[in-house]
Amino acid sequence: MQALIVYESMYGNTREVAEAIAEGIREARPDAAVECQPVARTTVHRTGTVDLLVVGGPTHVHGMSNALSRRVAVSVEARKEGRIEETHEAATTAAGPGLRKWFHELPDAEPGTPAAAFDTRMDGKQAGGAAAGIAQRLTDHRYDLRAEPEGFFVEEADGPLRSGELARARAWGAALL
């Protein structure tokens, strides 16, 4: 079994969730080959060789990020002191293609290919979420959703993750199998 987790992360929270999902898959299927890759380093052609595709990203302006929202996130992060690693991750992500462009290039899957969508988001009715848009794009490319799109909560826009979210992400990853 081969699983690929593709994620976009600005502040490291979505990356942490993606890695926890990978751990959950490995715990449920120790024989599984699981890759966890940022969208900027994942070619769409790699998706044709996997048995499970999981895609996630941060929530920006109630939905999936775009070039402008990524640039804003970099400028916000750059103003914070002592957050060199997060600023670098935000700048690298902002310079990359992002999930929207990646989805434009994604080929259609063979019918029945399982997939799942997740996001990181603030809690609250007005916060929105990117997972539904990610899920819609997966189904547009003929992937079959293995689970309802899932949101994992951050305390503030740039994190940290809410207590217990990484354990919840591991459990969600395991449940995808």
N, C-alpha and C. Protein backbone atom coordinates (compact mmCIF):
# COMPACT_ATOMS: atom_id res chain seq x y z
N MET A 1 0.83 -1.17 0.00
CA MET A 1 0.00 0.00 0.00
C MET A 1 0.88 1.24 0.00
N GLN A 2 0.62 2.14 -0.93
CA GLN A 2 1.37 3.39 -1.03
C GLN A 2 0.42 4.56 -0.79
N ALA A 3 0.77 5.41 0.15
CA ALA A 3 -0.01 6.60 0.44
C ALA A 3 0.85 7.83 0.23
N LEU A 4 0.25 8.87 -0.31
CA LEU A 4 0.93 10.14 -0.52
C LEU A 4 0.10 11.23 0.14
N ILE A 5 0.76 11.99 1.00
CA ILE A 5 0.11 13.13 1.65
C ILE A 5 0.77 14.38 1.09
N VAL A 6 -0.02 15.20 0.42
CA VAL A 6 0.45 16.45 -0.18
C VAL A 6 -0.16 17.58 0.64
N TYR A 7 0.68 18.53 1.03
CA TYR A 7 0.18 19.61 1.87
C TYR A 7 0.81 20.94 1.49
N GLU A 8 0.09 21.99 1.81
CA GLU A 8 0.60 23.35 1.73
C GLU A 8 0.60 23.86 3.16
N SER A 9 1.70 24.47 3.58
CA SER A 9 1.80 24.96 4.96
C SER A 9 2.54 26.27 4.99
N MET A 10 1.97 27.24 5.67
CA MET A 10 2.60 28.55 5.80
C MET A 10 3.38 28.68 7.10
N TYR A 11 2.80 28.25 8.19
CA TYR A 11 3.39 28.46 9.52
C TYR A 11 3.84 27.17 10.17
N GLY A 12 3.70 26.03 9.49
CA GLY A 12 4.12 24.76 10.04
C GLY A 12 3.00 23.93 10.64
N ASN A 13 1.84 24.53 10.87
CA ASN A 13 0.74 23.79 11.49
C ASN A 13 0.19 22.72 10.56
N THR A 14 -0.03 23.05 9.31
CA THR A 14 -0.56 22.07 8.36
C THR A 14 0.46 20.97 8.11
N ARG A 15 1.74 21.33 8.08
CA ARG A 15 2.79 20.31 7.94
C ARG A 15 2.75 19.34 9.12
N GLU A 16 2.60 19.87 10.34
CA GLU A 16 2.54 19.01 11.52
C GLU A 16 1.34 18.06 11.45
N VAL A 17 0.20 18.57 10.99
CA VAL A 17 -0.99 17.72 10.85
C VAL A 17 -0.74 16.65 9.79
N ALA A 18 -0.15 17.04 8.66
CA ALA A 18 0.13 16.07 7.60
C ALA A 18 1.06 14.97 8.11
N GLU A 19 2.07 15.34 8.87
CA GLU A 19 2.99 14.34 9.42
C GLU A 19 2.28 13.43 10.42
N ALA A 20 1.36 13.98 11.21
CA ALA A 20 0.60 13.16 12.15
C ALA A 20 -0.32 12.20 11.41
N ILE A 21 -0.93 12.64 10.32
CA ILE A 21 -1.77 11.75 9.51
C ILE A 21 -0.91 10.61 8.95
N ALA A 22 0.29 10.94 8.49
CA ALA A 22 1.21 9.90 8.00
C ALA A 22 1.53 8.90 9.09
N GLU A 23 1.77 9.38 10.32
CA GLU A 23 2.03 8.48 11.44
C GLU A 23 0.84 7.56 11.68
N GLY A 24 -0.36 8.11 11.62
CA GLY A 24 -1.57 7.30 11.83
C GLY A 24 -1.72 6.21 10.78
N ILE A 25 -1.41 6.54 9.53
CA ILE A 25 -1.47 5.53 8.47
C ILE A 25 -0.44 4.44 8.72
N ARG A 26 0.78 4.86 9.10
CA ARG A 26 1.84 3.87 9.39
C ARG A 26 1.48 2.98 10.58
N GLU A 27 0.85 3.55 11.60
CA GLU A 27 0.44 2.76 12.76
C GLU A 27 -0.61 1.73 12.37
N ALA A 28 -1.55 2.14 11.51
CA ALA A 28 -2.62 1.23 11.09
C ALA A 28 -2.13 0.19 10.10
N ARG A 29 -1.17 0.57 9.27
CA ARG A 29 -0.62 -0.34 8.26
C ARG A 29 0.90 -0.24 8.27
N PRO A 30 1.57 -0.98 9.16
CA PRO A 30 3.03 -0.89 9.25
C PRO A 30 3.75 -1.20 7.94
N ASP A 31 3.10 -1.94 7.06
CA ASP A 31 3.72 -2.28 5.77
C ASP A 31 3.53 -1.19 4.72
N ALA A 32 2.78 -0.14 5.04
CA ALA A 32 2.49 0.92 4.07
C ALA A 32 3.72 1.78 3.82
N ALA A 33 3.88 2.17 2.57
CA ALA A 33 4.90 3.16 2.20
C ALA A 33 4.18 4.50 2.16
N VAL A 34 4.52 5.37 3.09
CA VAL A 34 3.82 6.65 3.23
C VAL A 34 4.81 7.79 2.99
N GLU A 35 4.48 8.66 2.05
CA GLU A 35 5.27 9.86 1.79
C GLU A 35 4.44 11.07 2.18
N CYS A 36 5.10 12.03 2.79
CA CYS A 36 4.47 13.27 3.20
C CYS A 36 5.28 14.40 2.56
N GLN A 37 4.70 15.10 1.59
CA GLN A 37 5.46 16.07 0.79
C GLN A 37 4.75 17.41 0.68
N PRO A 38 5.51 18.51 0.76
CA PRO A 38 4.90 19.81 0.48
C PRO A 38 4.52 19.90 -1.00
N VAL A 39 3.48 20.63 -1.28
CA VAL A 39 2.97 20.73 -2.65
C VAL A 39 4.05 21.25 -3.60
N ALA A 40 4.91 22.13 -3.14
CA ALA A 40 5.95 22.70 -4.00
C ALA A 40 6.95 21.65 -4.48
N ARG A 41 7.05 20.52 -3.77
CA ARG A 41 8.00 19.47 -4.16
C ARG A 41 7.32 18.21 -4.67
N THR A 42 6.04 18.29 -4.98
CA THR A 42 5.30 17.11 -5.41
C THR A 42 4.78 17.31 -6.82
N THR A 43 5.24 16.48 -7.73
CA THR A 43 4.72 16.57 -9.09
C THR A 43 3.37 15.85 -9.15
N VAL A 44 2.48 16.35 -9.97
CA VAL A 44 1.16 15.74 -10.08
C VAL A 44 1.25 14.33 -10.65
N HIS A 45 2.29 14.04 -11.39
CA HIS A 45 2.43 12.70 -11.98
C HIS A 45 2.71 11.65 -10.92
N ARG A 46 3.23 12.06 -9.78
CA ARG A 46 3.50 11.13 -8.67
C ARG A 46 2.20 10.53 -8.15
N THR A 47 1.09 11.21 -8.31
CA THR A 47 -0.19 10.75 -7.76
C THR A 47 -0.70 9.49 -8.45
N GLY A 48 -0.28 9.24 -9.67
CA GLY A 48 -0.75 8.08 -10.41
C GLY A 48 -0.25 6.75 -9.88
N THR A 49 0.72 6.78 -8.97
CA THR A 49 1.30 5.53 -8.49
C THR A 49 0.90 5.21 -7.05
N VAL A 50 -0.06 5.94 -6.49
CA VAL A 50 -0.41 5.73 -5.08
C VAL A 50 -1.79 5.08 -4.94
N ASP A 51 -1.96 4.42 -3.79
CA ASP A 51 -3.23 3.78 -3.47
C ASP A 51 -4.15 4.69 -2.65
N LEU A 52 -3.57 5.73 -2.06
CA LEU A 52 -4.33 6.70 -1.27
C LEU A 52 -3.66 8.05 -1.40
N LEU A 53 -4.44 9.07 -1.76
CA LEU A 53 -3.94 10.43 -1.84
C LEU A 53 -4.66 11.26 -0.79
N VAL A 54 -3.89 11.92 0.07
CA VAL A 54 -4.44 12.81 1.09
C VAL A 54 -3.88 14.20 0.81
N VAL A 55 -4.76 15.20 0.75
CA VAL A 55 -4.34 16.56 0.41
C VAL A 55 -4.87 17.51 1.46
N GLY A 56 -4.00 18.43 1.91
CA GLY A 56 -4.41 19.39 2.92
C GLY A 56 -3.73 20.74 2.76
N GLY A 57 -4.38 21.74 3.33
CA GLY A 57 -3.82 23.09 3.28
C GLY A 57 -4.42 23.96 4.36
N PRO A 58 -3.85 25.13 4.53
CA PRO A 58 -4.37 26.06 5.52
C PRO A 58 -5.61 26.77 4.99
N THR A 59 -6.41 27.26 5.89
CA THR A 59 -7.57 28.06 5.52
C THR A 59 -7.14 29.52 5.47
N HIS A 60 -7.37 30.15 4.33
CA HIS A 60 -7.11 31.58 4.16
C HIS A 60 -8.39 32.21 3.64
N VAL A 61 -8.86 33.24 4.26
CA VAL A 61 -10.03 33.98 3.84
C VAL A 61 -11.20 33.01 3.57
N HIS A 62 -11.48 32.15 4.50
CA HIS A 62 -12.61 31.21 4.50
C HIS A 62 -12.47 30.05 3.54
N GLY A 63 -11.35 29.88 2.84
CA GLY A 63 -11.21 28.79 1.89
C GLY A 63 -9.74 28.47 1.63
N MET A 64 -9.49 27.92 0.44
CA MET A 64 -8.11 27.58 0.06
C MET A 64 -7.29 28.84 -0.14
N SER A 65 -6.00 28.72 0.10
CA SER A 65 -5.11 29.87 -0.09
C SER A 65 -5.02 30.22 -1.58
N ASN A 66 -4.56 31.42 -1.83
CA ASN A 66 -4.24 31.84 -3.20
C ASN A 66 -2.95 32.64 -3.14
N ALA A 67 -2.46 33.08 -4.26
CA ALA A 67 -1.17 33.78 -4.30
C ALA A 67 -1.18 35.00 -3.39
N LEU A 68 -2.24 35.79 -3.40
CA LEU A 68 -2.30 36.98 -2.56
C LEU A 68 -2.33 36.63 -1.08
N SER A 69 -3.14 35.65 -0.70
CA SER A 69 -3.23 35.31 0.73
C SER A 69 -1.91 34.73 1.24
N ARG A 70 -1.17 34.04 0.37
CA ARG A 70 0.13 33.53 0.78
C ARG A 70 1.13 34.66 0.97
N ARG A 71 1.10 35.67 0.09
CA ARG A 71 2.00 36.81 0.25
C ARG A 71 1.68 37.57 1.53
N VAL A 72 0.40 37.74 1.84
CA VAL A 72 0.01 38.40 3.08
C VAL A 72 0.52 37.61 4.28
N ALA A 73 0.40 36.29 4.23
CA ALA A 73 0.87 35.46 5.34
C ALA A 73 2.37 35.62 5.55
N VAL A 74 3.13 35.75 4.48
CA VAL A 74 4.57 35.96 4.61
C VAL A 74 4.84 37.30 5.27
N SER A 75 4.14 38.34 4.86
CA SER A 75 4.41 39.66 5.44
C SER A 75 4.03 39.69 6.91
N VAL A 76 2.97 39.00 7.30
CA VAL A 76 2.59 38.92 8.71
C VAL A 76 3.66 38.19 9.50
N GLU A 77 4.12 37.07 8.97
CA GLU A 77 5.12 36.26 9.67
C GLU A 77 6.45 37.01 9.76
N ALA A 78 6.80 37.76 8.73
CA ALA A 78 8.07 38.46 8.72
C ALA A 78 8.13 39.53 9.80
N ARG A 79 6.98 40.03 10.22
CA ARG A 79 6.95 41.06 11.26
C ARG A 79 7.16 40.51 12.66
N LYS A 80 7.11 39.20 12.82
CA LYS A 80 7.26 38.60 14.14
C LYS A 80 8.73 38.31 14.40
N GLU A 81 9.13 38.55 15.61
CA GLU A 81 10.52 38.32 15.96
C GLU A 81 10.74 36.89 16.42
N GLY A 82 11.92 36.34 16.10
CA GLY A 82 12.29 35.03 16.60
C GLY A 82 11.57 33.86 15.95
N ARG A 83 10.97 34.05 14.80
CA ARG A 83 10.24 32.97 14.15
C ARG A 83 10.88 32.67 12.79
N ILE A 84 12.18 32.50 12.79
CA ILE A 84 12.94 32.33 11.55
C ILE A 84 12.46 31.12 10.76
N GLU A 85 12.29 29.97 11.42
CA GLU A 85 11.88 28.75 10.72
C GLU A 85 10.50 28.93 10.08
N GLU A 86 9.55 29.48 10.83
CA GLU A 86 8.20 29.68 10.29
C GLU A 86 8.21 30.69 9.15
N THR A 87 9.04 31.77 9.28
CA THR A 87 9.12 32.76 8.21
C THR A 87 9.67 32.13 6.95
N HIS A 88 10.69 31.29 7.10
CA HIS A 88 11.27 30.60 5.93
C HIS A 88 10.23 29.69 5.28
N GLU A 89 9.49 28.91 6.09
CA GLU A 89 8.47 28.02 5.53
C GLU A 89 7.39 28.82 4.81
N ALA A 90 6.96 29.93 5.40
CA ALA A 90 5.94 30.77 4.76
C ALA A 90 6.45 31.34 3.45
N ALA A 91 7.69 31.82 3.43
CA ALA A 91 8.24 32.39 2.20
C ALA A 91 8.39 31.33 1.12
N THR A 92 8.86 30.14 1.49
CA THR A 92 9.02 29.05 0.53
C THR A 92 7.67 28.64 -0.05
N THR A 93 6.67 28.52 0.81
CA THR A 93 5.33 28.15 0.35
C THR A 93 4.75 29.22 -0.57
N ALA A 94 4.89 30.47 -0.18
CA ALA A 94 4.34 31.57 -0.97
C ALA A 94 4.95 31.62 -2.36
N ALA A 95 6.23 31.26 -2.46
CA ALA A 95 6.90 31.30 -3.75
C ALA A 95 6.53 30.11 -4.64
N GLY A 96 5.97 29.06 -4.04
CA GLY A 96 5.63 27.86 -4.79
C GLY A 96 4.28 27.95 -5.48
N PRO A 97 3.87 26.87 -6.11
CA PRO A 97 2.65 26.89 -6.91
C PRO A 97 1.37 26.92 -6.09
N GLY A 98 1.37 26.41 -4.88
CA GLY A 98 0.14 26.34 -4.09
C GLY A 98 -0.77 25.23 -4.59
N LEU A 99 -1.73 24.88 -3.76
CA LEU A 99 -2.64 23.78 -4.10
C LEU A 99 -3.52 24.10 -5.30
N ARG A 100 -3.98 25.33 -5.42
CA ARG A 100 -4.87 25.65 -6.55
C ARG A 100 -4.20 25.35 -7.88
N LYS A 101 -2.99 25.81 -8.07
CA LYS A 101 -2.26 25.55 -9.33
C LYS A 101 -1.98 24.07 -9.48
N TRP A 102 -1.60 23.42 -8.40
CA TRP A 102 -1.32 21.99 -8.42
C TRP A 102 -2.54 21.22 -8.90
N PHE A 103 -3.71 21.59 -8.41
CA PHE A 103 -4.94 20.91 -8.83
C PHE A 103 -5.24 21.15 -10.30
N HIS A 104 -4.88 22.30 -10.84
CA HIS A 104 -5.11 22.56 -12.27
C HIS A 104 -4.33 21.59 -13.14
N GLU A 105 -3.19 21.12 -12.63
CA GLU A 105 -2.34 20.21 -13.40
C GLU A 105 -2.58 18.74 -13.06
N LEU A 106 -3.36 18.47 -12.03
CA LEU A 106 -3.58 17.10 -11.57
C LEU A 106 -4.37 16.30 -12.61
N PRO A 107 -3.84 15.16 -13.06
CA PRO A 107 -4.62 14.35 -14.00
C PRO A 107 -5.75 13.62 -13.27
N ASP A 108 -6.75 13.23 -14.01
CA ASP A 108 -7.84 12.46 -13.43
C ASP A 108 -7.33 11.11 -12.95
N ALA A 109 -7.91 10.67 -11.85
CA ALA A 109 -7.54 9.38 -11.27
C ALA A 109 -8.34 8.27 -11.93
N GLU A 110 -7.86 7.05 -11.75
CA GLU A 110 -8.65 5.89 -12.14
C GLU A 110 -9.87 5.86 -11.21
N PRO A 111 -11.04 5.56 -11.73
CA PRO A 111 -12.22 5.50 -10.85
C PRO A 111 -11.98 4.57 -9.67
N GLY A 112 -12.40 5.00 -8.50
CA GLY A 112 -12.25 4.20 -7.30
C GLY A 112 -10.98 4.50 -6.51
N THR A 113 -10.12 5.38 -7.02
CA THR A 113 -8.91 5.72 -6.30
C THR A 113 -9.27 6.53 -5.06
N PRO A 114 -8.91 6.05 -3.87
CA PRO A 114 -9.31 6.75 -2.65
C PRO A 114 -8.47 7.99 -2.37
N ALA A 115 -9.13 8.96 -1.75
CA ALA A 115 -8.48 10.21 -1.38
C ALA A 115 -9.17 10.79 -0.15
N ALA A 116 -8.54 11.78 0.43
CA ALA A 116 -9.11 12.48 1.57
C ALA A 116 -8.58 13.91 1.59
N ALA A 117 -9.34 14.80 2.23
CA ALA A 117 -8.99 16.21 2.28
C ALA A 117 -9.03 16.71 3.72
N PHE A 118 -8.08 17.59 4.06
CA PHE A 118 -8.06 18.19 5.39
C PHE A 118 -7.56 19.63 5.29
N ASP A 119 -7.78 20.36 6.35
CA ASP A 119 -7.24 21.71 6.45
C ASP A 119 -6.89 22.02 7.90
N THR A 120 -6.24 23.16 8.08
CA THR A 120 -6.07 23.76 9.39
C THR A 120 -6.88 25.04 9.37
N ARG A 121 -7.52 25.35 10.50
CA ARG A 121 -8.42 26.50 10.54
C ARG A 121 -8.61 26.98 11.97
N MET A 122 -9.11 28.19 12.05
CA MET A 122 -9.54 28.74 13.33
C MET A 122 -10.91 28.13 13.64
N ASP A 123 -11.27 28.12 14.90
CA ASP A 123 -12.58 27.63 15.31
C ASP A 123 -13.58 28.78 15.24
N GLY A 124 -14.79 28.48 14.88
CA GLY A 124 -15.84 29.51 14.84
C GLY A 124 -16.63 29.44 13.55
N LYS A 125 -17.86 29.89 13.63
CA LYS A 125 -18.75 29.82 12.46
C LYS A 125 -18.27 30.66 11.29
N GLN A 126 -17.59 31.75 11.57
CA GLN A 126 -17.15 32.65 10.50
C GLN A 126 -15.78 32.29 9.94
N ALA A 127 -15.12 31.27 10.51
CA ALA A 127 -13.75 30.95 10.11
C ALA A 127 -13.66 30.32 8.73
N GLY A 128 -14.65 29.55 8.33
CA GLY A 128 -14.58 28.84 7.06
C GLY A 128 -13.59 27.69 7.11
N GLY A 129 -13.30 27.15 5.95
CA GLY A 129 -12.37 26.03 5.88
C GLY A 129 -11.98 25.76 4.44
N ALA A 130 -10.78 25.24 4.26
CA ALA A 130 -10.27 24.90 2.93
C ALA A 130 -10.58 23.47 2.53
N ALA A 131 -10.88 22.61 3.50
CA ALA A 131 -11.04 21.17 3.21
C ALA A 131 -12.16 20.88 2.21
N ALA A 132 -13.25 21.60 2.28
CA ALA A 132 -14.35 21.36 1.34
C ALA A 132 -13.92 21.65 -0.09
N GLY A 133 -13.18 22.74 -0.30
CA GLY A 133 -12.68 23.06 -1.64
C GLY A 133 -11.67 22.05 -2.13
N ILE A 134 -10.84 21.57 -1.24
CA ILE A 134 -9.86 20.54 -1.60
C ILE A 134 -10.60 19.26 -1.99
N ALA A 135 -11.60 18.88 -1.19
CA ALA A 135 -12.38 17.68 -1.47
C ALA A 135 -13.10 17.80 -2.82
N GLN A 136 -13.65 18.96 -3.09
CA GLN A 136 -14.35 19.15 -4.36
C GLN A 136 -13.39 18.98 -5.54
N ARG A 137 -12.20 19.51 -5.41
CA ARG A 137 -11.23 19.37 -6.50
C ARG A 137 -10.79 17.91 -6.66
N LEU A 138 -10.67 17.20 -5.55
CA LEU A 138 -10.35 15.77 -5.66
C LEU A 138 -11.46 15.01 -6.39
N THR A 139 -12.71 15.27 -6.04
CA THR A 139 -13.80 14.57 -6.73
C THR A 139 -13.92 15.02 -8.18
N ASP A 140 -13.59 16.27 -8.46
CA ASP A 140 -13.57 16.74 -9.86
C ASP A 140 -12.56 15.95 -10.69
N HIS A 141 -11.52 15.45 -10.03
CA HIS A 141 -10.50 14.64 -10.71
C HIS A 141 -10.75 13.15 -10.54
N ARG A 142 -11.97 12.79 -10.22
CA ARG A 142 -12.47 11.42 -10.15
C ARG A 142 -11.94 10.60 -8.98
N TYR A 143 -11.41 11.25 -7.96
CA TYR A 143 -11.03 10.53 -6.74
C TYR A 143 -12.28 10.26 -5.92
N ASP A 144 -12.27 9.14 -5.20
CA ASP A 144 -13.37 8.80 -4.29
C ASP A 144 -12.94 9.16 -2.88
N LEU A 145 -13.72 10.03 -2.25
CA LEU A 145 -13.38 10.45 -0.89
C LEU A 145 -13.59 9.30 0.08
N ARG A 146 -12.57 9.03 0.86
CA ARG A 146 -12.58 7.95 1.85
C ARG A 146 -13.23 8.42 3.15
N ALA A 147 -13.26 9.75 3.37
CA ALA A 147 -13.83 10.33 4.59
C ALA A 147 -14.36 11.72 4.27
N GLU A 148 -15.17 12.21 5.17
CA GLU A 148 -15.62 13.60 5.04
C GLU A 148 -14.40 14.52 5.20
N PRO A 149 -14.38 15.66 4.51
CA PRO A 149 -13.27 16.59 4.70
C PRO A 149 -13.15 16.96 6.19
N GLU A 150 -11.92 17.07 6.66
CA GLU A 150 -11.68 17.28 8.09
C GLU A 150 -10.89 18.56 8.33
N GLY A 151 -11.28 19.28 9.36
CA GLY A 151 -10.56 20.47 9.77
C GLY A 151 -9.88 20.25 11.11
N PHE A 152 -8.65 20.73 11.22
CA PHE A 152 -7.89 20.65 12.46
C PHE A 152 -7.65 22.07 12.93
N PHE A 153 -7.86 22.31 14.21
CA PHE A 153 -7.95 23.67 14.72
C PHE A 153 -6.64 24.23 15.24
N VAL A 154 -6.42 25.50 14.92
CA VAL A 154 -5.31 26.28 15.45
C VAL A 154 -5.88 27.31 16.42
N GLU A 155 -5.06 27.72 17.39
CA GLU A 155 -5.49 28.70 18.38
C GLU A 155 -5.57 30.11 17.79
N GLU A 156 -4.61 30.46 16.98
CA GLU A 156 -4.55 31.76 16.30
C GLU A 156 -4.27 31.49 14.82
N ALA A 157 -4.36 32.50 13.99
CA ALA A 157 -4.17 32.31 12.56
C ALA A 157 -2.85 31.63 12.23
N ASP A 158 -1.80 31.94 13.00
CA ASP A 158 -0.49 31.35 12.73
C ASP A 158 -0.15 30.23 13.70
N GLY A 159 -1.13 29.76 14.46
CA GLY A 159 -0.92 28.65 15.37
C GLY A 159 -0.72 29.15 16.78
N PRO A 160 -0.45 28.27 17.66
CA PRO A 160 -0.16 26.85 17.49
C PRO A 160 -1.44 26.03 17.30
N LEU A 161 -1.24 24.76 17.02
CA LEU A 161 -2.37 23.84 16.95
C LEU A 161 -3.02 23.73 18.32
N ARG A 162 -4.31 23.56 18.32
CA ARG A 162 -5.03 23.34 19.58
C ARG A 162 -4.56 22.02 20.19
N SER A 163 -4.52 21.99 21.48
CA SER A 163 -4.12 20.77 22.20
C SER A 163 -4.99 19.60 21.75
N GLY A 164 -4.35 18.48 21.47
CA GLY A 164 -5.06 17.26 21.08
C GLY A 164 -5.26 17.09 19.59
N GLU A 165 -4.96 18.12 18.80
CA GLU A 165 -5.21 18.03 17.35
C GLU A 165 -4.28 17.05 16.65
N LEU A 166 -3.04 16.95 17.09
CA LEU A 166 -2.13 15.99 16.44
C LEU A 166 -2.57 14.56 16.72
N ALA A 167 -3.05 14.28 17.91
CA ALA A 167 -3.57 12.94 18.21
C ALA A 167 -4.82 12.67 17.37
N ARG A 168 -5.65 13.68 17.21
CA ARG A 168 -6.84 13.53 16.39
C ARG A 168 -6.47 13.29 14.93
N ALA A 169 -5.41 13.97 14.46
CA ALA A 169 -4.94 13.78 13.08
C ALA A 169 -4.40 12.37 12.88
N ARG A 170 -3.65 11.84 13.86
CA ARG A 170 -3.16 10.46 13.76
C ARG A 170 -4.33 9.49 13.67
N ALA A 171 -5.33 9.67 14.50
CA ALA A 171 -6.50 8.79 14.50
C ALA A 171 -7.26 8.90 13.17
N TRP A 172 -7.37 10.10 12.65
CA TRP A 172 -8.06 10.30 11.36
C TRP A 172 -7.28 9.61 10.25
N GLY A 173 -5.96 9.75 10.26
CA GLY A 173 -5.13 9.06 9.26
C GLY A 173 -5.32 7.56 9.30
N ALA A 174 -5.30 6.99 10.51
CA ALA A 174 -5.49 5.54 10.66
C ALA A 174 -6.86 5.12 10.15
N ALA A 175 -7.87 5.93 10.40
CA ALA A 175 -9.24 5.60 10.00
C ALA A 175 -9.44 5.64 8.48
N LEU A 176 -8.53 6.31 7.75
CA LEU A 176 -8.65 6.36 6.29
C LEU A 176 -8.45 5.00 5.66
N LEU A 177 -7.82 4.09 6.38
CA LEU A 177 -7.56 2.76 5.84
C LEU A 177 -8.73 1.85 6.14
